[in-house]
Amino acid sequence: MTRNVQFIAFLTASLAVLLLSLTPARSDDAATARSVIESQINAFLNDDMAAAYSFAAPSIKRMYPDQNRFFDMVKRGYQPVYRPGNFAFGRYKGAQDGSGMVQEVIIQGPDGQDWTALYSLERQPDGSFKINGVQMIRAAAPQT
């Protein structure tokens, strides 16, 4: 197995364990998380680096210590999030202790490709939610 395949297998297994350990989120938490995600997507669409960066969790800000690096990373690696066509919210699951949640977002990329974006959000000490990761899963091509 190559390193990339091993890494992808590890991420997939980790996500499965995370999803299995989550319970349905409270509807007010889900609405708040959806608002955070939608606000960040709108900031990307408006090239508002400061606003987009403000929705990132501290762990993301440690990896990308300034908004320019963060914005460049999103533009390079997350085009469907940076320039989505249509997007819609899907399922969500919250941690039993209320510390975070995973929100599914179905996104059409700028090239028309459909994706599922699994947003991981964590509750901050002030009660707000910040985005601490997004896993992109390419949708299967429609069968003709």
Protein backbone atom coordinates (compact mmCIF):
# COMPACT_ATOMS: atom_id res chain seq x y z
CA MET A 1 0.00 0.00 0.00
CA THR A 2 1.29 3.46 -0.79
CA ARG A 3 1.43 6.14 1.87
CA ASN A 4 -1.48 8.03 0.26
CA VAL A 5 -3.71 4.95 0.24
CA GLN A 6 -2.79 4.22 3.87
CA PHE A 7 -3.51 7.81 4.85
CA ILE A 8 -6.88 7.78 3.07
CA ALA A 9 -7.76 4.46 4.72
CA PHE A 10 -6.81 5.94 8.10
CA LEU A 11 -8.95 9.05 7.51
CA THR A 12 -11.90 6.96 6.38
CA ALA A 13 -11.65 4.69 9.43
CA SER A 14 -11.29 7.70 11.74
CA LEU A 15 -14.35 9.36 10.25
CA ALA A 16 -16.37 6.15 10.61
CA VAL A 17 -15.44 5.90 14.29
CA LEU A 18 -16.31 9.57 14.79
CA LEU A 19 -19.68 9.24 13.08
CA LEU A 20 -20.53 6.13 15.09
CA SER A 21 -19.75 7.95 18.34
CA LEU A 22 -22.05 10.86 17.53
CA THR A 23 -25.72 11.29 18.32
CA PRO A 24 -28.26 13.52 16.58
CA ALA A 25 -27.49 17.16 17.34
CA ARG A 26 -29.96 19.48 18.97
CA SER A 27 -31.83 21.39 16.28
CA ASP A 28 -30.60 24.77 17.58
CA ASP A 29 -26.99 23.54 17.39
CA ALA A 30 -27.61 22.25 13.87
CA ALA A 31 -29.10 25.58 12.80
CA THR A 32 -26.14 27.44 14.29
CA ALA A 33 -23.64 25.14 12.58
CA ARG A 34 -25.41 25.53 9.25
CA SER A 35 -25.30 29.29 9.65
CA VAL A 36 -21.54 29.15 10.34
CA ILE A 37 -20.92 27.00 7.26
CA GLU A 38 -23.13 29.12 5.01
CA SER A 39 -21.49 32.31 6.28
CA GLN A 40 -18.03 30.94 5.53
CA ILE A 41 -19.07 29.82 2.04
CA ASN A 42 -20.52 33.28 1.38
CA ALA A 43 -17.27 34.85 2.59
CA PHE A 44 -15.34 32.68 0.12
CA LEU A 45 -17.72 33.69 -2.68
CA ASN A 46 -17.08 37.35 -1.82
CA ASP A 47 -13.31 36.86 -1.46
CA ASP A 48 -13.62 38.13 2.12
CA MET A 49 -10.52 36.52 3.65
CA ALA A 50 -11.01 37.97 7.12
CA ALA A 51 -14.60 36.75 7.41
CA ALA A 52 -13.80 33.28 6.03
CA TYR A 53 -10.86 32.93 8.43
CA SER A 54 -12.97 34.03 11.39
CA PHE A 55 -15.02 30.79 11.15
CA ALA A 56 -11.93 28.56 11.45
CA ALA A 57 -11.31 26.75 14.73
CA PRO A 58 -8.14 27.43 16.72
CA SER A 59 -6.62 24.13 15.53
CA ILE A 60 -6.95 25.29 11.90
CA LYS A 61 -5.56 28.72 12.75
CA ARG A 62 -2.49 27.04 14.29
CA MET A 63 -1.87 25.20 10.99
CA TYR A 64 -2.57 28.35 8.92
CA PRO A 65 -1.50 31.24 11.17
CA ASP A 66 -2.66 33.98 8.83
CA GLN A 67 -5.71 34.47 6.66
CA ASN A 68 -3.71 34.60 3.41
CA ARG A 69 -2.28 31.09 3.92
CA PHE A 70 -5.69 29.79 4.94
CA PHE A 71 -7.38 31.34 1.91
CA ASP A 72 -4.70 29.98 -0.46
CA MET A 73 -5.10 26.48 1.01
CA VAL A 74 -8.86 26.58 0.46
CA LYS A 75 -8.50 27.90 -3.10
CA ARG A 76 -5.99 25.16 -3.98
CA GLY A 77 -7.48 22.17 -2.18
CA TYR A 78 -11.18 22.89 -1.70
CA GLN A 79 -12.44 24.44 -4.96
CA PRO A 80 -16.02 23.15 -4.43
CA VAL A 81 -16.12 24.98 -1.08
CA TYR A 82 -14.34 28.06 -2.41
CA ARG A 83 -16.53 28.44 -5.51
CA PRO A 84 -19.60 26.25 -5.11
CA GLY A 85 -22.41 26.09 -7.60
CA ASN A 86 -25.39 24.89 -5.60
CA PHE A 87 -25.14 23.51 -2.11
CA ALA A 88 -27.58 21.95 0.32
CA PHE A 89 -27.33 20.71 3.87
CA GLY A 90 -27.73 17.02 4.55
CA ARG A 91 -27.48 14.94 7.70
CA TYR A 92 -25.84 16.07 10.91
CA LYS A 93 -24.66 14.33 14.02
CA GLY A 94 -23.61 15.85 17.31
CA ALA A 95 -21.22 14.57 19.96
CA GLN A 96 -22.99 13.19 23.03
CA ASP A 97 -21.27 15.73 25.25
CA GLY A 98 -22.24 18.66 23.00
CA SER A 99 -18.61 19.48 22.18
CA GLY A 100 -18.99 19.30 18.43
CA MET A 101 -20.78 17.97 15.41
CA VAL A 102 -20.43 16.81 11.83
CA GLN A 103 -22.59 18.48 9.18
CA GLU A 104 -22.97 17.00 5.71
CA VAL A 105 -23.11 19.50 2.84
CA ILE A 106 -23.84 18.45 -0.72
CA ILE A 107 -21.91 20.80 -3.02
CA GLN A 108 -21.64 21.20 -6.75
CA GLY A 109 -18.13 22.33 -7.69
CA PRO A 110 -17.39 25.02 -10.26
CA ASP A 111 -16.77 22.27 -12.83
CA GLY A 112 -20.21 20.71 -12.24
CA GLN A 113 -18.83 17.77 -10.20
CA ASP A 114 -20.91 16.88 -7.15
CA TRP A 115 -19.25 16.45 -3.76
CA THR A 116 -20.18 15.63 -0.20
CA ALA A 117 -18.36 17.87 2.25
CA LEU A 118 -18.30 16.62 5.82
CA TYR A 119 -17.76 19.66 8.02
CA SER A 120 -16.45 19.01 11.50
CA LEU A 121 -17.33 21.77 13.93
CA GLU A 122 -16.27 22.19 17.54
CA ARG A 123 -17.94 24.18 20.27
CA GLN A 124 -15.80 27.00 21.61
CA PRO A 125 -15.60 28.09 25.26
CA ASP A 126 -18.04 30.92 24.48
CA GLY A 127 -20.59 28.39 23.12
CA SER A 128 -20.09 29.25 19.44
CA PHE A 129 -19.12 26.72 16.78
CA LYS A 130 -15.98 26.93 14.64
CA ILE A 131 -15.02 24.76 11.68
CA ASN A 132 -12.11 22.47 12.47
CA GLY A 133 -12.02 20.44 9.28
CA VAL A 134 -13.74 19.51 6.04
CA GLN A 135 -13.49 16.14 4.35
CA MET A 136 -14.36 16.18 0.66
CA ILE A 137 -15.85 13.06 -0.94
CA ARG A 138 -16.36 13.04 -4.70
CA ALA A 139 -19.81 11.81 -5.71
CA ALA A 140 -19.93 8.87 -8.05
CA ALA A 141 -20.53 9.75 -11.68
CA PRO A 142 -24.12 9.13 -12.75
CA GLN A 143 -24.64 5.87 -14.61
CA THR A 144 -25.83 6.30 -18.19
